[in-house]
Amino acid sequence: MAQKLISIRIPEDVLLFFKEEYQAGYQKEIKKLLADHMITTKSDKFLIAGRAQQLFIDYYAQCFWHYDRNLKITPKNMNIVIDGLRKYGGKKGFLLVSELCQ
């Protein structure tokens, strides 16, 4: 993958930590840490979207009757499930929304 040269400001103590801990490979380690964070964040979003998909199926008749039954829930359209549960799901719906909005 192509890399792009950027300039960022990092607190001196953080930079010193990486330089002391990883010597010549400190920049590579910072890039690895950022990439790992990106992968974890994406993975978490898709896990939550999977839970939202299950809630869409489970509460279809009560909350989502006006959507296509086969709608695929993704991180980008999860607000459909959140809004539907809040509007039509009652107390249980609000509790389930809190699970999705961690």
PDB file of N, CA and C in Angstrom:
ATOM      1  N   MET A   1       0.845  -1.173   0.000  1.00  0.00           N
ATOM      2  CA  MET A   1       0.000   0.000   0.000  1.00  0.00           C
ATOM      3  C   MET A   1       0.896   1.244   0.000  1.00  0.00           C
ATOM      4  N   ALA A   2       0.504   2.212  -0.783  1.00  0.00           N
ATOM      5  CA  ALA A   2       1.282   3.447  -0.858  1.00  0.00           C
ATOM      6  C   ALA A   2       1.207   4.192   0.469  1.00  0.00           C
ATOM      7  N   GLN A   3       2.278   4.874   0.770  1.00  0.00           N
ATOM      8  CA  GLN A   3       2.316   5.661   1.994  1.00  0.00           C
ATOM      9  C   GLN A   3       2.337   7.128   1.628  1.00  0.00           C
ATOM     10  N   LYS A   4       1.818   7.942   2.522  1.00  0.00           N
ATOM     11  CA  LYS A   4       1.760   9.379   2.288  1.00  0.00           C
ATOM     12  C   LYS A   4       2.548  10.073   3.395  1.00  0.00           C
ATOM     13  N   LEU A   5       3.387  10.985   2.999  1.00  0.00           N
ATOM     14  CA  LEU A   5       4.171  11.750   3.956  1.00  0.00           C
ATOM     15  C   LEU A   5       3.280  12.812   4.588  1.00  0.00           C
ATOM     16  N   ILE A   6       3.225  12.796   5.927  1.00  0.00           N
ATOM     17  CA  ILE A   6       2.444  13.802   6.651  1.00  0.00           C
ATOM     18  C   ILE A   6       3.292  14.365   7.775  1.00  0.00           C
ATOM     19  N   SER A   7       2.791  15.390   8.377  1.00  0.00           N
ATOM     20  CA  SER A   7       3.455  15.975   9.537  1.00  0.00           C
ATOM     21  C   SER A   7       2.439  16.041  10.668  1.00  0.00           C
ATOM     22  N   ILE A   8       2.774  15.442  11.811  1.00  0.00           N
ATOM     23  CA  ILE A   8       1.887  15.516  12.969  1.00  0.00           C
ATOM     24  C   ILE A   8       2.688  15.934  14.186  1.00  0.00           C
ATOM     25  N   ARG A   9       1.992  16.488  15.134  1.00  0.00           N
ATOM     26  CA  ARG A   9       2.631  16.865  16.392  1.00  0.00           C
ATOM     27  C   ARG A   9       2.329  15.790  17.430  1.00  0.00           C
ATOM     28  N   ILE A  10       3.397  15.262  18.033  1.00  0.00           N
ATOM     29  CA  ILE A  10       3.275  14.227  19.055  1.00  0.00           C
ATOM     30  C   ILE A  10       3.918  14.770  20.328  1.00  0.00           C
ATOM     31  N   PRO A  11       3.256  14.613  21.458  1.00  0.00           N
ATOM     32  CA  PRO A  11       3.859  15.084  22.708  1.00  0.00           C
ATOM     33  C   PRO A  11       5.267  14.495  22.889  1.00  0.00           C
ATOM     34  N   GLU A  12       6.153  15.306  23.391  1.00  0.00           N
ATOM     35  CA  GLU A  12       7.551  14.920  23.499  1.00  0.00           C
ATOM     36  C   GLU A  12       7.740  13.636  24.305  1.00  0.00           C
ATOM     37  N   ASP A  13       6.998  13.487  25.398  1.00  0.00           N
ATOM     38  CA  ASP A  13       7.167  12.287  26.221  1.00  0.00           C
ATOM     39  C   ASP A  13       6.722  11.024  25.476  1.00  0.00           C
ATOM     40  N   VAL A  14       5.704  11.146  24.638  1.00  0.00           N
ATOM     41  CA  VAL A  14       5.241  10.000  23.855  1.00  0.00           C
ATOM     42  C   VAL A  14       6.301   9.625  22.820  1.00  0.00           C
ATOM     43  N   LEU A  15       6.832  10.617  22.133  1.00  0.00           N
ATOM     44  CA  LEU A  15       7.874  10.365  21.144  1.00  0.00           C
ATOM     45  C   LEU A  15       9.114   9.754  21.800  1.00  0.00           C
ATOM     46  N   LEU A  16       9.495  10.273  22.941  1.00  0.00           N
ATOM     47  CA  LEU A  16      10.646   9.726  23.663  1.00  0.00           C
ATOM     48  C   LEU A  16      10.415   8.266  24.041  1.00  0.00           C
ATOM     49  N   PHE A  17       9.212   7.960  24.490  1.00  0.00           N
ATOM     50  CA  PHE A  17       8.890   6.579  24.838  1.00  0.00           C
ATOM     51  C   PHE A  17       9.127   5.660  23.637  1.00  0.00           C
ATOM     52  N   PHE A  18       8.580   6.023  22.476  1.00  0.00           N
ATOM     53  CA  PHE A  18       8.728   5.177  21.293  1.00  0.00           C
ATOM     54  C   PHE A  18      10.189   5.080  20.858  1.00  0.00           C
ATOM     55  N   LYS A  19      10.913   6.173  20.929  1.00  0.00           N
ATOM     56  CA  LYS A  19      12.325   6.142  20.530  1.00  0.00           C
ATOM     57  C   LYS A  19      13.144   5.257  21.459  1.00  0.00           C
ATOM     58  N   GLU A  20      12.868   5.337  22.759  1.00  0.00           N
ATOM     59  CA  GLU A  20      13.610   4.510  23.717  1.00  0.00           C
ATOM     60  C   GLU A  20      13.215   3.046  23.611  1.00  0.00           C
ATOM     61  N   GLU A  21      11.940   2.792  23.427  1.00  0.00           N
ATOM     62  CA  GLU A  21      11.424   1.426  23.406  1.00  0.00           C
ATOM     63  C   GLU A  21      11.774   0.694  22.112  1.00  0.00           C
ATOM     64  N   TYR A  22      11.761   1.406  20.987  1.00  0.00           N
ATOM     65  CA  TYR A  22      11.914   0.748  19.682  1.00  0.00           C
ATOM     66  C   TYR A  22      13.108   1.257  18.873  1.00  0.00           C
ATOM     67  N   GLN A  23      13.916   2.127  19.423  1.00  0.00           N
ATOM     68  CA  GLN A  23      15.093   2.713  18.776  1.00  0.00           C
ATOM     69  C   GLN A  23      14.831   3.084  17.322  1.00  0.00           C
ATOM     70  N   ALA A  24      15.545   2.449  16.397  1.00  0.00           N
ATOM     71  CA  ALA A  24      15.466   2.846  14.988  1.00  0.00           C
ATOM     72  C   ALA A  24      14.115   2.518  14.351  1.00  0.00           C
ATOM     73  N   GLY A  25      13.359   1.593  14.941  1.00  0.00           N
ATOM     74  CA  GLY A  25      12.095   1.198  14.338  1.00  0.00           C
ATOM     75  C   GLY A  25      10.881   1.878  14.952  1.00  0.00           C
ATOM     76  N   TYR A  26      11.089   3.017  15.617  1.00  0.00           N
ATOM     77  CA  TYR A  26       9.968   3.647  16.335  1.00  0.00           C
ATOM     78  C   TYR A  26       8.862   4.130  15.399  1.00  0.00           C
ATOM     79  N   GLN A  27       9.220   4.641  14.224  1.00  0.00           N
ATOM     80  CA  GLN A  27       8.183   5.100  13.293  1.00  0.00           C
ATOM     81  C   GLN A  27       7.359   3.923  12.771  1.00  0.00           C
ATOM     82  N   LYS A  28       8.034   2.821  12.489  1.00  0.00           N
ATOM     83  CA  LYS A  28       7.340   1.620  12.039  1.00  0.00           C
ATOM     84  C   LYS A  28       6.370   1.131  13.122  1.00  0.00           C
ATOM     85  N   GLU A  29       6.783   1.195  14.370  1.00  0.00           N
ATOM     86  CA  GLU A  29       5.932   0.755  15.473  1.00  0.00           C
ATOM     87  C   GLU A  29       4.715   1.670  15.639  1.00  0.00           C
ATOM     88  N   ILE A  30       4.900   2.962  15.455  1.00  0.00           N
ATOM     89  CA  ILE A  30       3.772   3.905  15.522  1.00  0.00           C
ATOM     90  C   ILE A  30       2.779   3.592  14.407  1.00  0.00           C
ATOM     91  N   LYS A  31       3.282   3.335  13.186  1.00  0.00           N
ATOM     92  CA  LYS A  31       2.404   2.989  12.061  1.00  0.00           C
ATOM     93  C   LYS A  31       1.651   1.694  12.342  1.00  0.00           C
ATOM     94  N   LYS A  32       2.334   0.714  12.929  1.00  0.00           N
ATOM     95  CA  LYS A  32       1.701  -0.567  13.259  1.00  0.00           C
ATOM     96  C   LYS A  32       0.598  -0.359  14.295  1.00  0.00           C
ATOM     97  N   LEU A  33       0.856   0.450  15.293  1.00  0.00           N
ATOM     98  CA  LEU A  33      -0.132   0.739  16.331  1.00  0.00           C
ATOM     99  C   LEU A  33      -1.377   1.404  15.741  1.00  0.00           C
ATOM    100  N   LEU A  34      -1.177   2.358  14.850  1.00  0.00           N
ATOM    101  CA  LEU A  34      -2.302   3.033  14.202  1.00  0.00           C
ATOM    102  C   LEU A  34      -3.102   2.068  13.325  1.00  0.00           C
ATOM    103  N   ALA A  35      -2.412   1.216  12.582  1.00  0.00           N
ATOM    104  CA  ALA A  35      -3.092   0.234  11.730  1.00  0.00           C
ATOM    105  C   ALA A  35      -3.894  -0.756  12.577  1.00  0.00           C
ATOM    106  N   ASP A  36      -3.308  -1.218  13.685  1.00  0.00           N
ATOM    107  CA  ASP A  36      -4.020  -2.131  14.584  1.00  0.00           C
ATOM    108  C   ASP A  36      -5.283  -1.486  15.139  1.00  0.00           C
ATOM    109  N   HIS A  37      -5.189  -0.218  15.498  1.00  0.00           N
ATOM    110  CA  HIS A  37      -6.348   0.511  16.020  1.00  0.00           C
ATOM    111  C   HIS A  37      -7.446   0.598  14.961  1.00  0.00           C
ATOM    112  N   MET A  38      -7.058   0.869  13.727  1.00  0.00           N
ATOM    113  CA  MET A  38      -8.018   0.962  12.631  1.00  0.00           C
ATOM    114  C   MET A  38      -8.741  -0.373  12.435  1.00  0.00           C
ATOM    115  N   ILE A  39      -8.002  -1.464  12.438  1.00  0.00           N
ATOM    116  CA  ILE A  39      -8.588  -2.792  12.236  1.00  0.00           C
ATOM    117  C   ILE A  39      -9.534  -3.139  13.376  1.00  0.00           C
ATOM    118  N   THR A  40      -9.121  -2.859  14.606  1.00  0.00           N
ATOM    119  CA  THR A  40      -9.964  -3.142  15.769  1.00  0.00           C
ATOM    120  C   THR A  40     -11.249  -2.331  15.718  1.00  0.00           C
ATOM    121  N   THR A  41     -11.146  -1.058  15.373  1.00  0.00           N
ATOM    122  CA  THR A  41     -12.324  -0.193  15.302  1.00  0.00           C
ATOM    123  C   THR A  41     -13.290  -0.683  14.235  1.00  0.00           C
ATOM    124  N   LYS A  42     -12.772  -1.027  13.057  1.00  0.00           N
ATOM    125  CA  LYS A  42     -13.628  -1.555  11.985  1.00  0.00           C
ATOM    126  C   LYS A  42     -14.297  -2.853  12.414  1.00  0.00           C
ATOM    127  N   SER A  43     -13.530  -3.723  13.043  1.00  0.00           N
ATOM    128  CA  SER A  43     -14.061  -5.005  13.503  1.00  0.00           C
ATOM    129  C   SER A  43     -15.181  -4.797  14.521  1.00  0.00           C
ATOM    130  N   ASP A  44     -14.980  -3.888  15.472  1.00  0.00           N
ATOM    131  CA  ASP A  44     -16.000  -3.594  16.485  1.00  0.00           C
ATOM    132  C   ASP A  44     -17.276  -3.075  15.831  1.00  0.00           C
ATOM    133  N   LYS A  45     -17.126  -2.205  14.850  1.00  0.00           N
ATOM    134  CA  LYS A  45     -18.301  -1.650  14.174  1.00  0.00           C
ATOM    135  C   LYS A  45     -19.098  -2.743  13.470  1.00  0.00           C
ATOM    136  N   PHE A  46     -18.408  -3.695  12.854  1.00  0.00           N
ATOM    137  CA  PHE A  46     -19.117  -4.763  12.159  1.00  0.00           C
ATOM    138  C   PHE A  46     -19.740  -5.758  13.134  1.00  0.00           C
ATOM    139  N   LEU A  47     -19.126  -5.964  14.295  1.00  0.00           N
ATOM    140  CA  LEU A  47     -19.752  -6.810  15.314  1.00  0.00           C
ATOM    141  C   LEU A  47     -21.055  -6.178  15.804  1.00  0.00           C
ATOM    142  N   ILE A  48     -21.023  -4.884  16.052  1.00  0.00           N
ATOM    143  CA  ILE A  48     -22.217  -4.170  16.508  1.00  0.00           C
ATOM    144  C   ILE A  48     -23.276  -4.168  15.409  1.00  0.00           C
ATOM    145  N   ALA A  49     -22.855  -4.005  14.159  1.00  0.00           N
ATOM    146  CA  ALA A  49     -23.812  -4.051  13.045  1.00  0.00           C
ATOM    147  C   ALA A  49     -24.447  -5.432  12.944  1.00  0.00           C
ATOM    148  N   GLY A  50     -23.691  -6.478  13.236  1.00  0.00           N
ATOM    149  CA  GLY A  50     -24.251  -7.831  13.245  1.00  0.00           C
ATOM    150  C   GLY A  50     -25.324  -7.971  14.314  1.00  0.00           C
ATOM    151  N   ARG A  51     -25.075  -7.397  15.489  1.00  0.00           N
ATOM    152  CA  ARG A  51     -26.082  -7.413  16.555  1.00  0.00           C
ATOM    153  C   ARG A  51     -27.309  -6.605  16.126  1.00  0.00           C
ATOM    154  N   ALA A  52     -27.092  -5.485  15.478  1.00  0.00           N
ATOM    155  CA  ALA A  52     -28.202  -4.657  14.992  1.00  0.00           C
ATOM    156  C   ALA A  52     -29.013  -5.431  13.957  1.00  0.00           C
ATOM    157  N   GLN A  53     -28.344  -6.203  13.111  1.00  0.00           N
ATOM    158  CA  GLN A  53     -29.056  -7.028  12.121  1.00  0.00           C
ATOM    159  C   GLN A  53     -29.964  -8.026  12.830  1.00  0.00           C
ATOM    160  N   GLN A  54     -29.450  -8.657  13.879  1.00  0.00           N
ATOM    161  CA  GLN A  54     -30.262  -9.628  14.616  1.00  0.00           C
ATOM    162  C   GLN A  54     -31.460  -8.952  15.278  1.00  0.00           C
ATOM    163  N   LEU A  55     -31.247  -7.772  15.834  1.00  0.00           N
ATOM    164  CA  LEU A  55     -32.358  -7.033  16.447  1.00  0.00           C
ATOM    165  C   LEU A  55     -33.391  -6.621  15.398  1.00  0.00           C
ATOM    166  N   PHE A  56     -32.918  -6.257  14.213  1.00  0.00           N
ATOM    167  CA  PHE A  56     -33.826  -5.917  13.108  1.00  0.00           C
ATOM    168  C   PHE A  56     -34.731  -7.102  12.794  1.00  0.00           C
ATOM    169  N   ILE A  57     -34.151  -8.281  12.748  1.00  0.00           N
ATOM    170  CA  ILE A  57     -34.917  -9.495  12.458  1.00  0.00           C
ATOM    171  C   ILE A  57     -35.884  -9.800  13.608  1.00  0.00           C
ATOM    172  N   ASP A  58     -35.361  -9.765  14.834  1.00  0.00           N
ATOM    173  CA  ASP A  58     -36.176 -10.114  15.995  1.00  0.00           C
ATOM    174  C   ASP A  58     -37.346  -9.155  16.218  1.00  0.00           C
ATOM    175  N   TYR A  59     -37.143  -7.890  15.938  1.00  0.00           N
ATOM    176  CA  TYR A  59     -38.162  -6.872  16.209  1.00  0.00           C
ATOM    177  C   TYR A  59     -38.807  -6.328  14.926  1.00  0.00           C
ATOM    178  N   TYR A  60     -38.674  -7.084  13.843  1.00  0.00           N
ATOM    179  CA  TYR A  60     -39.192  -6.604  12.565  1.00  0.00           C
ATOM    180  C   TYR A  60     -40.678  -6.252  12.655  1.00  0.00           C
ATOM    181  N   ALA A  61     -41.493  -7.160  13.164  1.00  0.00           N
ATOM    182  CA  ALA A  61     -42.946  -6.944  13.198  1.00  0.00           C
ATOM    183  C   ALA A  61     -43.325  -5.756  14.080  1.00  0.00           C
ATOM    184  N   GLN A  62     -42.586  -5.550  15.153  1.00  0.00           N
ATOM    185  CA  GLN A  62     -42.924  -4.491  16.107  1.00  0.00           C
ATOM    186  C   GLN A  62     -42.385  -3.129  15.669  1.00  0.00           C
ATOM    187  N   CYS A  63     -41.170  -3.099  15.119  1.00  0.00           N
ATOM    188  CA  CYS A  63     -40.485  -1.814  14.908  1.00  0.00           C
ATOM    189  C   CYS A  63     -40.124  -1.491  13.455  1.00  0.00           C
ATOM    190  N   PHE A  64     -40.012  -2.486  12.605  1.00  0.00           N
ATOM    191  CA  PHE A  64     -39.433  -2.239  11.277  1.00  0.00           C
ATOM    192  C   PHE A  64     -40.314  -2.717  10.129  1.00  0.00           C
ATOM    193  N   TRP A  65     -41.601  -2.880  10.374  1.00  0.00           N
ATOM    194  CA  TRP A  65     -42.530  -3.401   9.367  1.00  0.00           C
ATOM    195  C   TRP A  65     -42.523  -2.589   8.078  1.00  0.00           C
ATOM    196  N   HIS A  66     -42.127  -1.317   8.156  1.00  0.00           N
ATOM    197  CA  HIS A  66     -42.169  -0.435   6.990  1.00  0.00           C
ATOM    198  C   HIS A  66     -40.890  -0.509   6.142  1.00  0.00           C
ATOM    199  N   TYR A  67     -39.941  -1.372   6.530  1.00  0.00           N
ATOM    200  CA  TYR A  67     -38.721  -1.582   5.745  1.00  0.00           C
ATOM    201  C   TYR A  67     -38.780  -2.943   5.071  1.00  0.00           C
ATOM    202  N   ASP A  68     -37.993  -3.106   4.037  1.00  0.00           N
ATOM    203  CA  ASP A  68     -37.855  -4.400   3.382  1.00  0.00           C
ATOM    204  C   ASP A  68     -37.342  -5.414   4.410  1.00  0.00           C
ATOM    205  N   ARG A  69     -37.996  -6.543   4.494  1.00  0.00           N
ATOM    206  CA  ARG A  69     -37.638  -7.569   5.482  1.00  0.00           C
ATOM    207  C   ARG A  69     -36.195  -8.053   5.296  1.00  0.00           C
ATOM    208  N   ASN A  70     -35.675  -7.972   4.087  1.00  0.00           N
ATOM    209  CA  ASN A  70     -34.326  -8.467   3.783  1.00  0.00           C
ATOM    210  C   ASN A  70     -33.260  -7.373   3.829  1.00  0.00           C
ATOM    211  N   LEU A  71     -33.576  -6.240   4.425  1.00  0.00           N
ATOM    212  CA  LEU A  71     -32.621  -5.132   4.511  1.00  0.00           C
ATOM    213  C   LEU A  71     -31.353  -5.579   5.221  1.00  0.00           C
ATOM    214  N   LYS A  72     -30.213  -5.305   4.632  1.00  0.00           N
ATOM    215  CA  LYS A  72     -28.913  -5.633   5.232  1.00  0.00           C
ATOM    216  C   LYS A  72     -28.474  -4.454   6.085  1.00  0.00           C
ATOM    217  N   ILE A  73     -28.252  -4.708   7.365  1.00  0.00           N
ATOM    218  CA  ILE A  73     -27.821  -3.655   8.286  1.00  0.00           C
ATOM    219  C   ILE A  73     -26.292  -3.603   8.276  1.00  0.00           C
ATOM    220  N   THR A  74     -25.766  -2.412   8.074  1.00  0.00           N
ATOM    221  CA  THR A  74     -24.324  -2.169   8.056  1.00  0.00           C
ATOM    222  C   THR A  74     -24.012  -1.061   9.061  1.00  0.00           C
ATOM    223  N   PRO A  75     -22.734  -0.820   9.328  1.00  0.00           N
ATOM    224  CA  PRO A  75     -22.409   0.298  10.223  1.00  0.00           C
ATOM    225  C   PRO A  75     -22.966   1.635   9.731  1.00  0.00           C
ATOM    226  N   LYS A  76     -23.118   1.784   8.415  1.00  0.00           N
ATOM    227  CA  LYS A  76     -23.594   3.066   7.876  1.00  0.00           C
ATOM    228  C   LYS A  76     -25.095   3.267   8.020  1.00  0.00           C
ATOM    229  N   ASN A  77     -25.878   2.180   8.095  1.00  0.00           N
ATOM    230  CA  ASN A  77     -27.320   2.362   8.215  1.00  0.00           C
ATOM    231  C   ASN A  77     -27.889   1.835   9.535  1.00  0.00           C
ATOM    232  N   MET A  78     -27.035   1.620  10.515  1.00  0.00           N
ATOM    233  CA  MET A  78     -27.476   1.143  11.822  1.00  0.00           C
ATOM    234  C   MET A  78     -28.464   2.094  12.493  1.00  0.00           C
ATOM    235  N   ASN A  79     -28.444   3.352  12.099  1.00  0.00           N
ATOM    236  CA  ASN A  79     -29.368   4.318  12.690  1.00  0.00           C
ATOM    237  C   ASN A  79     -30.822   3.914  12.461  1.00  0.00           C
ATOM    238  N   ILE A  80     -31.090   3.125  11.427  1.00  0.00           N
ATOM    239  CA  ILE A  80     -32.440   2.622  11.182  1.00  0.00           C
ATOM    240  C   ILE A  80     -32.903   1.783  12.379  1.00  0.00           C
ATOM    241  N   VAL A  81     -32.029   0.898  12.837  1.00  0.00           N
ATOM    242  CA  VAL A  81     -32.365   0.023  13.962  1.00  0.00           C
ATOM    243  C   VAL A  81     -32.469   0.841  15.246  1.00  0.00           C
ATOM    244  N   ILE A  82     -31.524   1.742  15.444  1.00  0.00           N
ATOM    245  CA  ILE A  82     -31.529   2.574  16.655  1.00  0.00           C
ATOM    246  C   ILE A  82     -32.801   3.410  16.727  1.00  0.00           C
ATOM    247  N   ASP A  83     -33.129   4.077  15.640  1.00  0.00           N
ATOM    248  CA  ASP A  83     -34.332   4.927  15.616  1.00  0.00           C
ATOM    249  C   ASP A  83     -35.609   4.101  15.796  1.00  0.00           C
ATOM    250  N   GLY A  84     -35.691   2.964  15.122  1.00  0.00           N
ATOM    251  CA  GLY A  84     -36.880   2.120  15.215  1.00  0.00           C
ATOM    252  C   GLY A  84     -37.094   1.573  16.615  1.00  0.00           C
ATOM    253  N   LEU A  85     -36.011   1.121  17.241  1.00  0.00           N
ATOM    254  CA  LEU A  85     -36.132   0.605  18.606  1.00  0.00           C
ATOM    255  C   LEU A  85     -36.531   1.709  19.584  1.00  0.00           C
ATOM    256  N   ARG A  86     -35.963   2.893  19.392  1.00  0.00           N
ATOM    257  CA  ARG A  86     -36.335   4.012  20.266  1.00  0.00           C
ATOM    258  C   ARG A  86     -37.796   4.404  20.089  1.00  0.00           C
ATOM    259  N   LYS A  87     -38.258   4.402  18.859  1.00  0.00           N
ATOM    260  CA  LYS A  87     -39.601   4.881  18.573  1.00  0.00           C
ATOM    261  C   LYS A  87     -40.682   3.856  18.913  1.00  0.00           C
ATOM    262  N   TYR A  88     -40.435   2.583  18.597  1.00  0.00           N
ATOM    263  CA  TYR A  88     -41.479   1.568  18.728  1.00  0.00           C
ATOM    264  C   TYR A  88     -41.145   0.434  19.702  1.00  0.00           C
ATOM    265  N   GLY A  89     -39.951   0.435  20.257  1.00  0.00           N
ATOM    266  CA  GLY A  89     -39.514  -0.709  21.061  1.00  0.00           C
ATOM    267  C   GLY A  89     -39.805  -0.630  22.534  1.00  0.00           C
ATOM    268  N   GLY A  90     -40.360   0.487  22.988  1.00  0.00           N
ATOM    269  CA  GLY A  90     -40.663   0.625  24.407  1.00  0.00           C
ATOM    270  C   GLY A  90     -39.406   0.628  25.265  1.00  0.00           C
ATOM    271  N   LYS A  91     -39.584   0.274  26.536  1.00  0.00           N
ATOM    272  CA  LYS A  91     -38.457   0.261  27.474  1.00  0.00           C
ATOM    273  C   LYS A  91     -37.372  -0.707  27.021  1.00  0.00           C
ATOM    274  N   LYS A  92     -37.784  -1.887  26.585  1.00  0.00           N
ATOM    275  CA  LYS A  92     -36.816  -2.892  26.105  1.00  0.00           C
ATOM    276  C   LYS A  92     -36.027  -2.356  24.910  1.00  0.00           C
ATOM    277  N   GLY A  93     -36.702  -1.620  24.028  1.00  0.00           N
ATOM    278  CA  GLY A  93     -36.031  -1.024  22.873  1.00  0.00           C
ATOM    279  C   GLY A  93     -34.952  -0.041  23.284  1.00  0.00           C
ATOM    280  N   PHE A  94     -35.259   0.788  24.288  1.00  0.00           N
ATOM    281  CA  PHE A  94     -34.268   1.746  24.778  1.00  0.00           C
ATOM    282  C   PHE A  94     -33.063   1.024  25.374  1.00  0.00           C
ATOM    283  N   LEU A  95     -33.311  -0.063  26.098  1.00  0.00           N
ATOM    284  CA  LEU A  95     -32.199  -0.830  26.672  1.00  0.00           C
ATOM    285  C   LEU A  95     -31.336  -1.452  25.581  1.00  0.00           C
ATOM    286  N   LEU A  96     -31.977  -1.938  24.532  1.00  0.00           N
ATOM    287  CA  LEU A  96     -31.220  -2.525  23.424  1.00  0.00           C
ATOM    288  C   LEU A  96     -30.419  -1.474  22.669  1.00  0.00           C
ATOM    289  N   VAL A  97     -30.975  -0.278  22.543  1.00  0.00           N
ATOM    290  CA  VAL A  97     -30.241   0.807  21.885  1.00  0.00           C
ATOM    291  C   VAL A  97     -28.969   1.142  22.655  1.00  0.00           C
ATOM    292  N   SER A  98     -29.052   1.132  23.977  1.00  0.00           N
ATOM    293  CA  SER A  98     -27.858   1.432  24.773  1.00  0.00           C
ATOM    294  C   SER A  98     -26.762   0.387  24.516  1.00  0.00           C
ATOM    295  N   GLU A  99     -27.172  -0.835  24.230  1.00  0.00           N
ATOM    296  CA  GLU A  99     -26.217  -1.896  23.886  1.00  0.00           C
ATOM    297  C   GLU A  99     -25.515  -1.584  22.552  1.00  0.00           C
ATOM    298  N   LEU A 100     -26.267  -1.033  21.601  1.00  0.00           N
ATOM    299  CA  LEU A 100     -25.694  -0.724  20.289  1.00  0.00           C
ATOM    300  C   LEU A 100     -24.842   0.549  20.293  1.00  0.00           C
ATOM    301  N   CYS A 101     -25.104   1.434  21.232  1.00  0.00           N
ATOM    302  CA  CYS A 101     -24.438   2.754  21.245  1.00  0.00           C
ATOM    303  C   CYS A 101     -23.314   2.825  22.278  1.00  0.00           C
ATOM    304  N   GLN A 102     -22.664   1.739  22.531  1.00  0.00           N
ATOM    305  CA  GLN A 102     -21.579   1.744  23.530  1.00  0.00           C
ATOM    306  C   GLN A 102     -20.438   2.603  23.093  1.00  0.00           C
TER     307      GLN A 102
END
